[in-house]
Amino acid sequence: MLPRLRERREDIPVLVAHFVELFGRKMGKQIEHIPAEALSALSSYDWPGNIRELQNFIERSVILSVGAVLRPQLQELKKSPTTARRGHHVEEANGIIF
């Protein structure tokens, strides 16, 4: 079994480049540059959803990027998935729809 992604941070830039290439080709986009600050933020995030979370994040980033530069929505990484999920369940339990 492979260690968790957060235990192999050195793999993250390689995986990001791979997913950018994969999804760029799939969507007919030519992403030629991944900003260093984006790679730094992606490498320091814990990725609780492991590689699938990274893959989905990069796919969304490619979709939303315009031009040749990857523009990931890094503010999404600052949200606590546990808090977001917990709040979502409470809203469902109370029947509140936003």
N, C-alpha and C. Protein backbone atom coordinates (compact mmCIF):
# COMPACT_ATOMS: atom_id res chain seq x y z
N MET A 1 0.85 -1.19 0.00
CA MET A 1 0.00 0.00 0.00
C MET A 1 0.89 1.24 0.00
N LEU A 2 0.52 2.19 -0.84
CA LEU A 2 1.28 3.44 -0.92
C LEU A 2 0.99 4.33 0.29
N PRO A 3 1.97 5.10 0.71
CA PRO A 3 1.71 6.07 1.78
C PRO A 3 0.75 7.16 1.28
N ARG A 4 0.11 7.84 2.20
CA ARG A 4 -0.81 8.92 1.85
C ARG A 4 -0.06 10.02 1.10
N LEU A 5 -0.79 10.77 0.31
CA LEU A 5 -0.20 11.82 -0.50
C LEU A 5 0.51 12.86 0.37
N ARG A 6 -0.04 13.17 1.52
CA ARG A 6 0.59 14.16 2.40
C ARG A 6 1.94 13.67 2.93
N GLU A 7 2.20 12.37 2.84
CA GLU A 7 3.48 11.80 3.25
C GLU A 7 4.46 11.71 2.07
N ARG A 8 3.99 12.07 0.87
CA ARG A 8 4.83 12.03 -0.34
C ARG A 8 4.71 13.34 -1.09
N ARG A 9 4.89 14.44 -0.40
CA ARG A 9 4.72 15.77 -0.98
C ARG A 9 5.58 15.99 -2.22
N GLU A 10 6.72 15.31 -2.30
CA GLU A 10 7.60 15.47 -3.46
C GLU A 10 6.95 14.95 -4.75
N ASP A 11 5.91 14.12 -4.61
CA ASP A 11 5.20 13.60 -5.78
C ASP A 11 4.16 14.58 -6.32
N ILE A 12 3.76 15.54 -5.52
CA ILE A 12 2.65 16.42 -5.89
C ILE A 12 2.94 17.22 -7.16
N PRO A 13 4.10 17.88 -7.31
CA PRO A 13 4.33 18.62 -8.57
C PRO A 13 4.28 17.73 -9.82
N VAL A 14 4.78 16.52 -9.71
CA VAL A 14 4.75 15.58 -10.84
C VAL A 14 3.30 15.20 -11.15
N LEU A 15 2.52 14.93 -10.12
CA LEU A 15 1.11 14.57 -10.32
C LEU A 15 0.32 15.75 -10.90
N VAL A 16 0.60 16.95 -10.40
CA VAL A 16 -0.09 18.15 -10.91
C VAL A 16 0.20 18.29 -12.41
N ALA A 17 1.47 18.20 -12.79
CA ALA A 17 1.84 18.32 -14.21
C ALA A 17 1.14 17.24 -15.05
N HIS A 18 1.10 16.03 -14.52
CA HIS A 18 0.44 14.93 -15.24
C HIS A 18 -1.05 15.22 -15.43
N PHE A 19 -1.73 15.63 -14.37
CA PHE A 19 -3.17 15.89 -14.46
C PHE A 19 -3.47 17.10 -15.34
N VAL A 20 -2.62 18.12 -15.29
CA VAL A 20 -2.81 19.29 -16.16
C VAL A 20 -2.71 18.86 -17.62
N GLU A 21 -1.72 18.05 -17.93
CA GLU A 21 -1.55 17.56 -19.30
C GLU A 21 -2.75 16.70 -19.71
N LEU A 22 -3.16 15.78 -18.85
CA LEU A 22 -4.27 14.88 -19.14
C LEU A 22 -5.56 15.64 -19.40
N PHE A 23 -5.92 16.53 -18.46
CA PHE A 23 -7.20 17.24 -18.60
C PHE A 23 -7.12 18.33 -19.65
N GLY A 24 -5.95 18.93 -19.83
CA GLY A 24 -5.79 19.92 -20.89
C GLY A 24 -6.04 19.28 -22.25
N ARG A 25 -5.45 18.12 -22.46
CA ARG A 25 -5.64 17.40 -23.73
C ARG A 25 -7.11 17.01 -23.89
N LYS A 26 -7.71 16.51 -22.83
CA LYS A 26 -9.11 16.07 -22.87
C LYS A 26 -10.05 17.23 -23.22
N MET A 27 -9.71 18.43 -22.72
CA MET A 27 -10.58 19.60 -22.91
C MET A 27 -10.13 20.51 -24.04
N GLY A 28 -9.07 20.11 -24.75
CA GLY A 28 -8.58 20.92 -25.85
C GLY A 28 -7.94 22.22 -25.42
N LYS A 29 -7.32 22.21 -24.23
CA LYS A 29 -6.66 23.41 -23.71
C LYS A 29 -5.16 23.17 -23.64
N GLN A 30 -4.39 24.22 -23.89
CA GLN A 30 -2.93 24.13 -23.83
C GLN A 30 -2.46 24.92 -22.62
N ILE A 31 -2.33 24.26 -21.48
CA ILE A 31 -1.81 24.89 -20.27
C ILE A 31 -0.29 24.72 -20.29
N GLU A 32 0.42 25.82 -20.42
CA GLU A 32 1.87 25.77 -20.57
C GLU A 32 2.63 26.16 -19.31
N HIS A 33 1.93 26.76 -18.34
CA HIS A 33 2.63 27.24 -17.14
C HIS A 33 1.80 26.98 -15.89
N ILE A 34 2.46 26.48 -14.87
CA ILE A 34 1.84 26.31 -13.55
C ILE A 34 2.63 27.23 -12.62
N PRO A 35 2.01 28.29 -12.08
CA PRO A 35 2.73 29.23 -11.24
C PRO A 35 3.38 28.55 -10.02
N ALA A 36 4.56 29.01 -9.66
CA ALA A 36 5.30 28.45 -8.52
C ALA A 36 4.50 28.56 -7.23
N GLU A 37 3.81 29.68 -7.04
CA GLU A 37 3.01 29.83 -5.81
C GLU A 37 1.88 28.82 -5.75
N ALA A 38 1.33 28.45 -6.90
CA ALA A 38 0.29 27.43 -6.94
C ALA A 38 0.87 26.07 -6.57
N LEU A 39 2.02 25.72 -7.14
CA LEU A 39 2.66 24.45 -6.80
C LEU A 39 3.03 24.39 -5.33
N SER A 40 3.48 25.50 -4.79
CA SER A 40 3.82 25.55 -3.36
C SER A 40 2.59 25.30 -2.50
N ALA A 41 1.48 25.97 -2.83
CA ALA A 41 0.24 25.80 -2.06
C ALA A 41 -0.28 24.37 -2.19
N LEU A 42 -0.24 23.83 -3.40
CA LEU A 42 -0.70 22.46 -3.61
C LEU A 42 0.17 21.46 -2.87
N SER A 43 1.47 21.71 -2.82
CA SER A 43 2.40 20.80 -2.14
C SER A 43 2.28 20.87 -0.63
N SER A 44 1.82 21.98 -0.10
CA SER A 44 1.73 22.09 1.36
C SER A 44 0.35 21.74 1.91
N TYR A 45 -0.63 21.52 1.03
CA TYR A 45 -1.96 21.11 1.46
C TYR A 45 -1.93 19.63 1.85
N ASP A 46 -2.74 19.24 2.84
CA ASP A 46 -2.72 17.87 3.36
C ASP A 46 -3.46 16.84 2.50
N TRP A 47 -4.29 17.23 1.60
CA TRP A 47 -5.03 16.33 0.71
C TRP A 47 -5.70 15.18 1.46
N PRO A 48 -6.69 15.52 2.32
CA PRO A 48 -7.37 14.46 3.07
C PRO A 48 -8.09 13.46 2.17
N GLY A 49 -8.44 13.87 0.95
CA GLY A 49 -9.07 12.95 0.00
C GLY A 49 -8.06 12.23 -0.86
N ASN A 50 -6.79 12.42 -0.54
CA ASN A 50 -5.68 11.77 -1.22
C ASN A 50 -5.62 12.14 -2.70
N ILE A 51 -5.16 11.26 -3.54
CA ILE A 51 -4.89 11.58 -4.94
C ILE A 51 -6.15 11.91 -5.73
N ARG A 52 -7.27 11.32 -5.37
CA ARG A 52 -8.52 11.64 -6.08
C ARG A 52 -8.93 13.09 -5.85
N GLU A 53 -8.71 13.59 -4.65
CA GLU A 53 -9.03 14.98 -4.38
C GLU A 53 -8.13 15.89 -5.21
N LEU A 54 -6.84 15.58 -5.27
CA LEU A 54 -5.91 16.35 -6.10
C LEU A 54 -6.34 16.29 -7.57
N GLN A 55 -6.66 15.13 -8.05
CA GLN A 55 -7.09 14.95 -9.44
C GLN A 55 -8.32 15.80 -9.74
N ASN A 56 -9.32 15.75 -8.88
CA ASN A 56 -10.54 16.53 -9.08
C ASN A 56 -10.26 18.02 -9.02
N PHE A 57 -9.40 18.42 -8.11
CA PHE A 57 -9.04 19.83 -7.97
C PHE A 57 -8.36 20.34 -9.25
N ILE A 58 -7.43 19.56 -9.78
CA ILE A 58 -6.73 19.98 -10.99
C ILE A 58 -7.68 19.97 -12.18
N GLU A 59 -8.58 19.03 -12.25
CA GLU A 59 -9.56 19.02 -13.34
C GLU A 59 -10.39 20.30 -13.32
N ARG A 60 -10.91 20.69 -12.15
CA ARG A 60 -11.66 21.94 -12.02
C ARG A 60 -10.79 23.13 -12.40
N SER A 61 -9.53 23.10 -11.99
CA SER A 61 -8.61 24.21 -12.28
C SER A 61 -8.40 24.36 -13.78
N VAL A 62 -8.25 23.26 -14.49
CA VAL A 62 -8.07 23.31 -15.94
C VAL A 62 -9.35 23.85 -16.59
N ILE A 63 -10.49 23.38 -16.13
CA ILE A 63 -11.77 23.85 -16.68
C ILE A 63 -11.90 25.36 -16.53
N LEU A 64 -11.54 25.88 -15.36
CA LEU A 64 -11.73 27.30 -15.06
C LEU A 64 -10.62 28.20 -15.58
N SER A 65 -9.50 27.63 -15.96
CA SER A 65 -8.37 28.44 -16.44
C SER A 65 -8.61 28.91 -17.86
N VAL A 66 -8.26 30.18 -18.08
CA VAL A 66 -8.35 30.77 -19.41
C VAL A 66 -6.93 31.10 -19.84
N GLY A 67 -6.56 30.69 -21.03
CA GLY A 67 -5.21 30.96 -21.52
C GLY A 67 -4.27 29.82 -21.17
N ALA A 68 -2.98 30.12 -21.23
CA ALA A 68 -1.94 29.10 -21.09
C ALA A 68 -1.44 28.91 -19.67
N VAL A 69 -2.01 29.64 -18.71
CA VAL A 69 -1.55 29.56 -17.31
C VAL A 69 -2.62 28.90 -16.46
N LEU A 70 -2.22 27.91 -15.67
CA LEU A 70 -3.15 27.26 -14.75
C LEU A 70 -3.51 28.25 -13.65
N ARG A 71 -4.79 28.43 -13.41
CA ARG A 71 -5.28 29.36 -12.38
C ARG A 71 -6.13 28.59 -11.37
N PRO A 72 -5.48 27.82 -10.49
CA PRO A 72 -6.27 27.06 -9.51
C PRO A 72 -6.91 27.99 -8.48
N GLN A 73 -8.05 27.59 -8.00
CA GLN A 73 -8.78 28.34 -6.98
C GLN A 73 -8.21 27.96 -5.61
N LEU A 74 -7.07 28.54 -5.27
CA LEU A 74 -6.35 28.14 -4.05
C LEU A 74 -7.12 28.42 -2.77
N GLN A 75 -8.05 29.37 -2.81
CA GLN A 75 -8.85 29.65 -1.61
C GLN A 75 -9.67 28.44 -1.19
N GLU A 76 -9.98 27.54 -2.12
CA GLU A 76 -10.70 26.31 -1.78
C GLU A 76 -9.89 25.44 -0.83
N LEU A 77 -8.58 25.51 -0.91
CA LEU A 77 -7.72 24.67 -0.06
C LEU A 77 -7.72 25.14 1.39
N LYS A 78 -8.15 26.36 1.63
CA LYS A 78 -8.13 26.89 2.99
C LYS A 78 -9.37 26.51 3.78
N LYS A 79 -10.40 26.01 3.08
CA LYS A 79 -11.62 25.58 3.75
C LYS A 79 -11.36 24.24 4.42
N SER A 80 -11.90 24.07 5.60
CA SER A 80 -11.76 22.80 6.30
C SER A 80 -12.84 21.84 5.82
N PRO A 81 -12.45 20.74 5.16
CA PRO A 81 -13.46 19.80 4.68
C PRO A 81 -14.34 19.25 5.80
N THR A 82 -13.77 19.04 6.97
CA THR A 82 -14.53 18.51 8.09
C THR A 82 -15.61 19.49 8.51
N THR A 83 -15.26 20.77 8.63
CA THR A 83 -16.23 21.79 9.01
C THR A 83 -17.31 21.93 7.95
N ALA A 84 -16.90 21.95 6.70
CA ALA A 84 -17.87 22.09 5.62
C ALA A 84 -18.85 20.91 5.61
N ARG A 85 -18.35 19.71 5.77
CA ARG A 85 -19.22 18.54 5.78
C ARG A 85 -20.14 18.55 6.99
N ARG A 86 -19.59 18.88 8.15
CA ARG A 86 -20.39 18.89 9.37
C ARG A 86 -21.52 19.91 9.23
N GLY A 87 -21.23 21.11 8.74
CA GLY A 87 -22.25 22.13 8.55
C GLY A 87 -23.30 21.68 7.57
N HIS A 88 -22.87 21.00 6.53
CA HIS A 88 -23.80 20.52 5.51
C HIS A 88 -24.78 19.52 6.11
N HIS A 89 -24.29 18.61 6.94
CA HIS A 89 -25.16 17.62 7.57
C HIS A 89 -26.14 18.27 8.54
N VAL A 90 -25.70 19.27 9.26
CA VAL A 90 -26.59 19.97 10.20
C VAL A 90 -27.70 20.66 9.42
N GLU A 91 -27.34 21.31 8.31
CA GLU A 91 -28.35 21.96 7.48
C GLU A 91 -29.35 20.94 6.95
N GLU A 92 -28.88 19.77 6.55
CA GLU A 92 -29.77 18.73 6.05
C GLU A 92 -30.68 18.23 7.18
N ALA A 93 -30.11 18.04 8.35
CA ALA A 93 -30.89 17.51 9.47
C ALA A 93 -31.99 18.48 9.88
N ASN A 94 -31.71 19.78 9.77
CA ASN A 94 -32.70 20.77 10.15
C ASN A 94 -33.65 21.13 9.01
N GLY A 95 -33.44 20.54 7.84
CA GLY A 95 -34.30 20.80 6.70
C GLY A 95 -34.07 22.17 6.08
N ILE A 96 -32.97 22.81 6.37
CA ILE A 96 -32.68 24.13 5.84
C ILE A 96 -32.05 23.98 4.45
N ILE A 97 -32.56 24.71 3.52
CA ILE A 97 -32.02 24.70 2.17
C ILE A 97 -31.53 26.10 1.85
N PHE A 98 -30.31 26.20 1.39
CA PHE A 98 -29.74 27.51 1.04
C PHE A 98 -29.67 27.67 -0.44
